[in-house]
Amino acid sequence: MALDVAQLLGMTQTELDDLFKQSPAGPIPDGSAKGTAIIAPGTVFSPEIAEAVNFFAWQGKTFDSKNGTLTNKITAFGFNAIIAQVYVAGSWLDGKDCVVLDYSKTSTVAHWIRDEIRLIGPNFYLGVVYWGQKRLIDFCLEF
Protein backbone atom coordinates (compact mmCIF):
# COMPACT_ATOMS: atom_id res chain seq x y z
CA MET A 1 0.00 0.00 0.00
CA ALA A 2 1.34 3.41 -1.00
CA LEU A 3 1.90 5.94 1.75
CA ASP A 4 0.67 9.52 1.67
CA VAL A 5 1.45 12.71 3.60
CA ALA A 6 -1.47 12.31 6.02
CA GLN A 7 -0.21 8.85 7.01
CA LEU A 8 3.30 10.19 7.64
CA LEU A 9 1.94 13.03 9.79
CA GLY A 10 0.09 10.44 11.90
CA MET A 11 3.15 8.26 12.50
CA THR A 12 5.19 8.37 15.70
CA GLN A 13 8.87 9.29 15.62
CA THR A 14 9.78 5.61 16.04
CA GLU A 15 7.57 4.64 13.08
CA LEU A 16 9.12 7.37 10.90
CA ASP A 17 12.62 6.25 11.89
CA ASP A 18 11.78 2.61 11.13
CA LEU A 19 10.37 3.59 7.72
CA PHE A 20 13.48 5.62 6.92
CA LYS A 21 15.78 2.77 8.00
CA GLN A 22 13.85 0.22 5.90
CA SER A 23 13.83 2.35 2.73
CA PRO A 24 16.40 2.51 -0.08
CA ALA A 25 18.31 5.68 -0.92
CA GLY A 26 16.64 5.81 -4.31
CA PRO A 27 17.95 7.93 -7.16
CA ILE A 28 18.94 11.56 -6.74
CA PRO A 29 15.68 13.30 -7.62
CA ASP A 30 15.25 15.82 -10.41
CA GLY A 31 12.72 18.63 -10.66
CA SER A 32 10.35 20.36 -8.30
CA ALA A 33 8.96 18.69 -5.17
CA LYS A 34 6.23 19.76 -2.79
CA GLY A 35 7.54 19.59 0.76
CA THR A 36 5.81 18.92 4.05
CA ALA A 37 7.50 19.48 7.41
CA ILE A 38 6.80 16.73 9.94
CA ILE A 39 6.98 18.35 13.37
CA ALA A 40 5.51 16.78 16.51
CA PRO A 41 4.93 13.50 14.63
CA GLY A 42 2.01 11.37 15.69
CA THR A 43 0.26 14.20 17.55
CA VAL A 44 -2.90 16.10 16.70
CA PHE A 45 -0.70 19.19 16.17
CA SER A 46 1.44 17.78 13.36
CA PRO A 47 -0.95 18.56 10.44
CA GLU A 48 -1.57 22.14 11.61
CA ILE A 49 2.13 22.83 12.13
CA ALA A 50 2.90 21.38 8.69
CA GLU A 51 0.29 23.62 7.08
CA ALA A 52 1.65 26.75 8.80
CA VAL A 53 5.25 25.95 7.86
CA ASN A 54 4.19 25.27 4.27
CA PHE A 55 2.31 28.54 3.97
CA PHE A 56 4.76 30.90 5.71
CA ALA A 57 8.23 29.40 5.43
CA TRP A 58 8.98 26.36 3.24
CA GLN A 59 7.10 24.81 0.33
CA GLY A 60 9.62 22.26 -0.93
CA LYS A 61 12.76 21.84 -3.00
CA THR A 62 13.82 22.04 -6.64
CA PHE A 63 16.50 19.50 -7.59
CA ASP A 64 19.00 19.66 -10.45
CA SER A 65 20.32 16.10 -10.53
CA LYS A 66 22.67 16.81 -13.46
CA ASN A 67 24.59 19.36 -11.39
CA GLY A 68 24.06 17.69 -8.00
CA THR A 69 22.37 20.72 -6.45
CA LEU A 70 19.02 21.92 -5.16
CA THR A 71 17.30 25.09 -4.03
CA ASN A 72 14.60 25.40 -1.40
CA LYS A 73 11.26 27.00 -2.16
CA ILE A 74 10.80 29.45 0.72
CA THR A 75 8.44 32.19 1.96
CA ALA A 76 4.78 32.47 1.07
CA PHE A 77 5.89 33.33 -2.49
CA GLY A 78 7.92 30.16 -3.07
CA PHE A 79 11.22 31.88 -3.93
CA ASN A 80 14.03 29.49 -4.86
CA ALA A 81 16.87 30.10 -2.42
CA ILE A 82 19.26 28.33 -0.04
CA ILE A 83 21.37 26.05 -2.24
CA ALA A 84 22.65 22.60 -1.23
CA GLN A 85 24.97 20.02 -2.75
CA VAL A 86 23.26 16.68 -3.38
CA TYR A 87 25.04 13.30 -3.32
CA VAL A 88 24.73 9.73 -2.05
CA ALA A 89 26.51 8.87 1.22
CA GLY A 90 25.99 7.04 4.50
CA SER A 91 23.16 8.22 6.73
CA TRP A 92 23.93 9.57 10.18
CA LEU A 93 20.86 7.65 11.38
CA ASP A 94 21.95 4.13 10.40
CA GLY A 95 25.07 4.32 8.20
CA LYS A 96 23.31 2.98 5.07
CA ASP A 97 23.20 4.95 1.83
CA CYS A 98 20.84 7.89 1.54
CA VAL A 99 20.65 11.00 -0.62
CA VAL A 100 22.41 13.78 1.32
CA LEU A 101 21.38 17.43 0.96
CA ASP A 102 24.48 19.23 2.22
CA TYR A 103 24.37 22.97 2.91
CA SER A 104 27.82 23.21 4.55
CA LYS A 105 29.69 24.63 1.53
CA THR A 106 26.86 26.37 -0.34
CA SER A 107 24.89 28.43 2.17
CA THR A 108 25.84 31.05 4.71
CA VAL A 109 22.40 30.97 6.35
CA ALA A 110 22.10 27.17 6.54
CA HIS A 111 25.72 25.93 6.54
CA TRP A 112 25.09 23.87 9.68
CA ILE A 113 22.14 21.97 8.12
CA ARG A 114 22.29 18.48 6.59
CA ASP A 115 19.21 16.74 5.24
CA GLU A 116 19.01 13.07 4.36
CA ILE A 117 16.29 11.55 2.18
CA ARG A 118 15.22 8.05 1.17
CA LEU A 119 12.66 6.83 -1.34
CA ILE A 120 9.49 5.53 0.39
CA GLY A 121 7.25 5.26 -2.68
CA PRO A 122 7.07 6.29 -6.32
CA ASN A 123 8.30 9.91 -6.50
CA PHE A 124 7.95 10.17 -2.70
CA TYR A 125 10.86 10.71 -0.27
CA LEU A 126 11.08 10.81 3.52
CA GLY A 127 13.70 13.15 4.96
CA VAL A 128 15.54 13.81 8.19
CA VAL A 129 17.00 17.23 9.10
CA TYR A 130 20.13 17.65 11.22
CA TRP A 131 21.43 20.88 12.74
CA GLY A 132 25.09 20.12 13.20
CA GLN A 133 24.95 16.55 14.43
CA LYS A 134 21.65 17.06 16.30
CA ARG A 135 18.49 15.55 14.86
CA LEU A 136 15.93 18.30 14.30
CA ILE A 137 12.77 17.34 12.35
CA ASP A 138 11.48 15.13 9.54
CA PHE A 139 9.93 16.09 6.20
CA CYS A 140 8.65 14.52 3.03
CA LEU A 141 8.95 15.44 -0.65
CA GLU A 142 6.37 14.64 -3.33
CA PHE A 143 7.53 14.85 -6.95
C-alpha atoms as a PDB file:
ATOM      1  CA  MET A   1       0.000   0.000   0.000  1.00  0.00           C
ATOM      2  CA  ALA A   2       1.343   3.407  -1.004  1.00  0.00           C
ATOM      3  CA  LEU A   3       1.902   5.944   1.754  1.00  0.00           C
ATOM      4  CA  ASP A   4       0.669   9.522   1.670  1.00  0.00           C
ATOM      5  CA  VAL A   5       1.446  12.712   3.597  1.00  0.00           C
ATOM      6  CA  ALA A   6      -1.474  12.305   6.018  1.00  0.00           C
ATOM      7  CA  GLN A   7      -0.213   8.854   7.013  1.00  0.00           C
ATOM      8  CA  LEU A   8       3.298  10.187   7.643  1.00  0.00           C
ATOM      9  CA  LEU A   9       1.939  13.026   9.794  1.00  0.00           C
ATOM     10  CA  GLY A  10       0.091  10.437  11.895  1.00  0.00           C
ATOM     11  CA  MET A  11       3.153   8.259  12.502  1.00  0.00           C
ATOM     12  CA  THR A  12       5.191   8.367  15.699  1.00  0.00           C
ATOM     13  CA  GLN A  13       8.870   9.288  15.619  1.00  0.00           C
ATOM     14  CA  THR A  14       9.780   5.612  16.040  1.00  0.00           C
ATOM     15  CA  GLU A  15       7.575   4.642  13.075  1.00  0.00           C
ATOM     16  CA  LEU A  16       9.124   7.372  10.904  1.00  0.00           C
ATOM     17  CA  ASP A  17      12.624   6.245  11.894  1.00  0.00           C
ATOM     18  CA  ASP A  18      11.782   2.608  11.130  1.00  0.00           C
ATOM     19  CA  LEU A  19      10.365   3.589   7.719  1.00  0.00           C
ATOM     20  CA  PHE A  20      13.481   5.621   6.921  1.00  0.00           C
ATOM     21  CA  LYS A  21      15.777   2.771   7.999  1.00  0.00           C
ATOM     22  CA  GLN A  22      13.849   0.218   5.896  1.00  0.00           C
ATOM     23  CA  SER A  23      13.825   2.349   2.732  1.00  0.00           C
ATOM     24  CA  PRO A  24      16.397   2.509  -0.081  1.00  0.00           C
ATOM     25  CA  ALA A  25      18.311   5.680  -0.918  1.00  0.00           C
ATOM     26  CA  GLY A  26      16.644   5.812  -4.313  1.00  0.00           C
ATOM     27  CA  PRO A  27      17.951   7.933  -7.160  1.00  0.00           C
ATOM     28  CA  ILE A  28      18.937  11.559  -6.744  1.00  0.00           C
ATOM     29  CA  PRO A  29      15.682  13.297  -7.622  1.00  0.00           C
ATOM     30  CA  ASP A  30      15.254  15.824 -10.413  1.00  0.00           C
ATOM     31  CA  GLY A  31      12.720  18.629 -10.664  1.00  0.00           C
ATOM     32  CA  SER A  32      10.346  20.357  -8.296  1.00  0.00           C
ATOM     33  CA  ALA A  33       8.962  18.688  -5.172  1.00  0.00           C
ATOM     34  CA  LYS A  34       6.234  19.757  -2.789  1.00  0.00           C
ATOM     35  CA  GLY A  35       7.544  19.589   0.755  1.00  0.00           C
ATOM     36  CA  THR A  36       5.806  18.919   4.047  1.00  0.00           C
ATOM     37  CA  ALA A  37       7.498  19.480   7.409  1.00  0.00           C
ATOM     38  CA  ILE A  38       6.804  16.733   9.938  1.00  0.00           C
ATOM     39  CA  ILE A  39       6.985  18.346  13.366  1.00  0.00           C
ATOM     40  CA  ALA A  40       5.506  16.782  16.514  1.00  0.00           C
ATOM     41  CA  PRO A  41       4.929  13.505  14.629  1.00  0.00           C
ATOM     42  CA  GLY A  42       2.007  11.368  15.688  1.00  0.00           C
ATOM     43  CA  THR A  43       0.261  14.200  17.548  1.00  0.00           C
ATOM     44  CA  VAL A  44      -2.902  16.104  16.699  1.00  0.00           C
ATOM     45  CA  PHE A  45      -0.696  19.193  16.172  1.00  0.00           C
ATOM     46  CA  SER A  46       1.439  17.783  13.357  1.00  0.00           C
ATOM     47  CA  PRO A  47      -0.949  18.555  10.444  1.00  0.00           C
ATOM     48  CA  GLU A  48      -1.571  22.136  11.613  1.00  0.00           C
ATOM     49  CA  ILE A  49       2.126  22.829  12.133  1.00  0.00           C
ATOM     50  CA  ALA A  50       2.903  21.383   8.685  1.00  0.00           C
ATOM     51  CA  GLU A  51       0.291  23.621   7.082  1.00  0.00           C
ATOM     52  CA  ALA A  52       1.650  26.746   8.803  1.00  0.00           C
ATOM     53  CA  VAL A  53       5.254  25.952   7.863  1.00  0.00           C
ATOM     54  CA  ASN A  54       4.194  25.269   4.272  1.00  0.00           C
ATOM     55  CA  PHE A  55       2.314  28.540   3.971  1.00  0.00           C
ATOM     56  CA  PHE A  56       4.760  30.897   5.711  1.00  0.00           C
ATOM     57  CA  ALA A  57       8.230  29.395   5.429  1.00  0.00           C
ATOM     58  CA  TRP A  58       8.979  26.358   3.244  1.00  0.00           C
ATOM     59  CA  GLN A  59       7.099  24.813   0.325  1.00  0.00           C
ATOM     60  CA  GLY A  60       9.620  22.261  -0.928  1.00  0.00           C
ATOM     61  CA  LYS A  61      12.757  21.841  -2.999  1.00  0.00           C
ATOM     62  CA  THR A  62      13.818  22.038  -6.638  1.00  0.00           C
ATOM     63  CA  PHE A  63      16.503  19.499  -7.587  1.00  0.00           C
ATOM     64  CA  ASP A  64      19.000  19.662 -10.447  1.00  0.00           C
ATOM     65  CA  SER A  65      20.322  16.096 -10.533  1.00  0.00           C
ATOM     66  CA  LYS A  66      22.671  16.809 -13.456  1.00  0.00           C
ATOM     67  CA  ASN A  67      24.591  19.365 -11.392  1.00  0.00           C
ATOM     68  CA  GLY A  68      24.058  17.693  -8.002  1.00  0.00           C
ATOM     69  CA  THR A  69      22.368  20.724  -6.448  1.00  0.00           C
ATOM     70  CA  LEU A  70      19.020  21.921  -5.156  1.00  0.00           C
ATOM     71  CA  THR A  71      17.301  25.085  -4.030  1.00  0.00           C
ATOM     72  CA  ASN A  72      14.599  25.399  -1.398  1.00  0.00           C
ATOM     73  CA  LYS A  73      11.256  27.001  -2.156  1.00  0.00           C
ATOM     74  CA  ILE A  74      10.803  29.450   0.716  1.00  0.00           C
ATOM     75  CA  THR A  75       8.439  32.188   1.959  1.00  0.00           C
ATOM     76  CA  ALA A  76       4.784  32.465   1.072  1.00  0.00           C
ATOM     77  CA  PHE A  77       5.885  33.331  -2.486  1.00  0.00           C
ATOM     78  CA  GLY A  78       7.923  30.156  -3.073  1.00  0.00           C
ATOM     79  CA  PHE A  79      11.218  31.880  -3.932  1.00  0.00           C
ATOM     80  CA  ASN A  80      14.032  29.490  -4.865  1.00  0.00           C
ATOM     81  CA  ALA A  81      16.874  30.104  -2.417  1.00  0.00           C
ATOM     82  CA  ILE A  82      19.264  28.333  -0.041  1.00  0.00           C
ATOM     83  CA  ILE A  83      21.375  26.055  -2.237  1.00  0.00           C
ATOM     84  CA  ALA A  84      22.647  22.603  -1.230  1.00  0.00           C
ATOM     85  CA  GLN A  85      24.965  20.023  -2.753  1.00  0.00           C
ATOM     86  CA  VAL A  86      23.256  16.679  -3.384  1.00  0.00           C
ATOM     87  CA  TYR A  87      25.042  13.304  -3.324  1.00  0.00           C
ATOM     88  CA  VAL A  88      24.732   9.730  -2.046  1.00  0.00           C
ATOM     89  CA  ALA A  89      26.512   8.869   1.219  1.00  0.00           C
ATOM     90  CA  GLY A  90      25.994   7.041   4.501  1.00  0.00           C
ATOM     91  CA  SER A  91      23.164   8.219   6.735  1.00  0.00           C
ATOM     92  CA  TRP A  92      23.928   9.571  10.181  1.00  0.00           C
ATOM     93  CA  LEU A  93      20.858   7.651  11.382  1.00  0.00           C
ATOM     94  CA  ASP A  94      21.948   4.132  10.404  1.00  0.00           C
ATOM     95  CA  GLY A  95      25.070   4.318   8.198  1.00  0.00           C
ATOM     96  CA  LYS A  96      23.309   2.978   5.075  1.00  0.00           C
ATOM     97  CA  ASP A  97      23.199   4.947   1.827  1.00  0.00           C
ATOM     98  CA  CYS A  98      20.844   7.892   1.544  1.00  0.00           C
ATOM     99  CA  VAL A  99      20.650  11.001  -0.617  1.00  0.00           C
ATOM    100  CA  VAL A 100      22.413  13.782   1.319  1.00  0.00           C
ATOM    101  CA  LEU A 101      21.379  17.429   0.956  1.00  0.00           C
ATOM    102  CA  ASP A 102      24.480  19.233   2.223  1.00  0.00           C
ATOM    103  CA  TYR A 103      24.368  22.971   2.906  1.00  0.00           C
ATOM    104  CA  SER A 104      27.819  23.211   4.550  1.00  0.00           C
ATOM    105  CA  LYS A 105      29.693  24.631   1.527  1.00  0.00           C
ATOM    106  CA  THR A 106      26.861  26.369  -0.335  1.00  0.00           C
ATOM    107  CA  SER A 107      24.891  28.428   2.172  1.00  0.00           C
ATOM    108  CA  THR A 108      25.841  31.051   4.709  1.00  0.00           C
ATOM    109  CA  VAL A 109      22.397  30.969   6.351  1.00  0.00           C
ATOM    110  CA  ALA A 110      22.103  27.167   6.542  1.00  0.00           C
ATOM    111  CA  HIS A 111      25.717  25.928   6.536  1.00  0.00           C
ATOM    112  CA  TRP A 112      25.090  23.867   9.681  1.00  0.00           C
ATOM    113  CA  ILE A 113      22.137  21.968   8.118  1.00  0.00           C
ATOM    114  CA  ARG A 114      22.290  18.483   6.594  1.00  0.00           C
ATOM    115  CA  ASP A 115      19.205  16.744   5.242  1.00  0.00           C
ATOM    116  CA  GLU A 116      19.013  13.066   4.356  1.00  0.00           C
ATOM    117  CA  ILE A 117      16.291  11.550   2.179  1.00  0.00           C
ATOM    118  CA  ARG A 118      15.219   8.051   1.169  1.00  0.00           C
ATOM    119  CA  LEU A 119      12.662   6.828  -1.336  1.00  0.00           C
ATOM    120  CA  ILE A 120       9.490   5.527   0.388  1.00  0.00           C
ATOM    121  CA  GLY A 121       7.247   5.262  -2.680  1.00  0.00           C
ATOM    122  CA  PRO A 122       7.074   6.293  -6.323  1.00  0.00           C
ATOM    123  CA  ASN A 123       8.303   9.909  -6.499  1.00  0.00           C
ATOM    124  CA  PHE A 124       7.949  10.173  -2.697  1.00  0.00           C
ATOM    125  CA  TYR A 125      10.857  10.710  -0.266  1.00  0.00           C
ATOM    126  CA  LEU A 126      11.077  10.813   3.524  1.00  0.00           C
ATOM    127  CA  GLY A 127      13.705  13.145   4.956  1.00  0.00           C
ATOM    128  CA  VAL A 128      15.539  13.815   8.192  1.00  0.00           C
ATOM    129  CA  VAL A 129      17.003  17.226   9.096  1.00  0.00           C
ATOM    130  CA  TYR A 130      20.135  17.649  11.215  1.00  0.00           C
ATOM    131  CA  TRP A 131      21.428  20.883  12.742  1.00  0.00           C
ATOM    132  CA  GLY A 132      25.095  20.123  13.198  1.00  0.00           C
ATOM    133  CA  GLN A 133      24.953  16.547  14.428  1.00  0.00           C
ATOM    134  CA  LYS A 134      21.649  17.056  16.299  1.00  0.00           C
ATOM    135  CA  ARG A 135      18.491  15.550  14.862  1.00  0.00           C
ATOM    136  CA  LEU A 136      15.925  18.296  14.301  1.00  0.00           C
ATOM    137  CA  ILE A 137      12.768  17.337  12.348  1.00  0.00           C
ATOM    138  CA  ASP A 138      11.477  15.126   9.542  1.00  0.00           C
ATOM    139  CA  PHE A 139       9.928  16.085   6.203  1.00  0.00           C
ATOM    140  CA  CYS A 140       8.647  14.519   3.034  1.00  0.00           C
ATOM    141  CA  LEU A 141       8.950  15.439  -0.648  1.00  0.00           C
ATOM    142  CA  GLU A 142       6.373  14.637  -3.331  1.00  0.00           C
ATOM    143  CA  PHE A 143       7.527  14.846  -6.946  1.00  0.00           C
END
